[in-house]
């Protein structure tokens, strides 16, 4: 699809090939993921855009799940 390319050869072009992935086992739930298209003041630091994901470990019981969510809630509120 459009704007999912991560390889851009330092050009910032977003329609290149999607070459970068974050892989996780089913023990993790994906909360949010994105491609960071930020260009720094001196250009792009790489010829690939960074891929960022927030994952949550699936807990065995509800109390463990609540403990895992506390740092996540703080991160997502920023």
Protein backbone atom coordinates (compact mmCIF):
# COMPACT_ATOMS: atom_id res chain seq x y z
CA UNK A 1 0.00 0.00 0.00
CA UNK A 2 0.94 3.64 -0.29
CA UNK A 3 3.53 5.10 2.12
CA UNK A 4 4.58 1.79 3.63
CA UNK A 5 8.04 1.76 2.10
CA UNK A 6 10.94 1.75 4.53
CA UNK A 7 13.84 1.85 2.04
CA UNK A 8 14.32 5.33 0.60
CA UNK A 9 18.03 5.80 -0.32
CA UNK A 10 18.29 9.00 1.79
CA UNK A 11 15.59 10.69 -0.34
CA UNK A 12 12.60 10.51 2.03
CA UNK A 13 10.56 8.82 -0.68
CA UNK A 14 7.79 6.86 1.03
CA UNK A 15 6.72 4.57 -1.79
CA UNK A 16 9.85 2.44 -1.88
CA UNK A 17 10.08 -1.20 -0.90
CA UNK A 18 8.93 -2.34 2.54
CA UNK A 19 12.12 -4.05 3.67
CA UNK A 20 12.13 -3.66 7.45
CA UNK A 21 9.98 -5.63 9.86
CA UNK A 22 9.42 -6.27 13.54
CA UNK A 23 8.53 -9.89 14.10
CA UNK A 24 7.01 -11.27 17.30
CA UNK A 25 5.56 -14.55 18.45
CA UNK A 26 1.86 -14.88 19.34
CA UNK A 27 2.90 -14.37 22.99
CA UNK A 28 2.89 -10.63 22.22
CA UNK A 29 0.04 -8.33 21.30
CA UNK A 30 0.79 -5.40 19.01
CA UNK A 31 -0.48 -2.20 20.62
CA UNK A 32 0.79 0.28 18.05
CA UNK A 33 3.24 0.32 15.15
CA UNK A 34 4.45 2.98 12.76
CA UNK A 35 7.17 4.03 10.36
CA UNK A 36 9.11 7.08 11.56
CA UNK A 37 9.50 9.46 8.60
CA UNK A 38 11.27 12.15 10.64
CA UNK A 39 14.08 13.97 8.86
CA UNK A 40 16.77 15.39 11.11
CA UNK A 41 18.36 18.84 10.71
CA UNK A 42 21.23 17.30 8.71
CA UNK A 43 19.17 14.86 6.66
CA UNK A 44 18.26 11.25 7.21
CA UNK A 45 20.56 9.17 9.46
CA UNK A 46 19.92 6.04 7.38
CA UNK A 47 18.66 4.99 3.96
CA UNK A 48 15.85 3.13 5.79
CA UNK A 49 13.06 4.65 7.86
CA UNK A 50 12.90 3.24 11.42
CA UNK A 51 10.03 0.89 12.19
CA UNK A 52 8.67 1.32 15.71
CA UNK A 53 6.31 -0.96 17.61
CA UNK A 54 4.82 -1.13 21.07
CA UNK A 55 4.20 -4.73 22.04
CA UNK A 56 2.60 -6.14 25.16
CA UNK A 57 3.44 -9.57 26.51
CA UNK A 58 0.29 -11.62 26.87
CA UNK A 59 -0.11 -12.36 30.57
CA UNK A 60 -1.08 -15.71 32.04
CA UNK A 61 -3.54 -14.13 34.48
CA UNK A 62 -5.43 -10.85 34.82
CA UNK A 63 -3.32 -9.47 37.70
CA UNK A 64 -0.13 -9.91 35.68
CA UNK A 65 -1.81 -8.21 32.72
CA UNK A 66 -2.63 -5.15 34.84
CA UNK A 67 0.99 -4.90 36.01
CA UNK A 68 2.19 -5.03 32.40
CA UNK A 69 -0.26 -2.29 31.36
CA UNK A 70 0.95 0.31 33.89
CA UNK A 71 4.18 1.27 32.04
CA UNK A 72 2.34 1.04 28.72
CA UNK A 73 -0.39 3.41 29.87
CA UNK A 74 2.26 5.94 30.90
CA UNK A 75 4.06 5.64 27.54
CA UNK A 76 0.89 6.03 25.48
CA UNK A 77 -0.25 9.07 27.46
CA UNK A 78 2.82 11.06 26.34
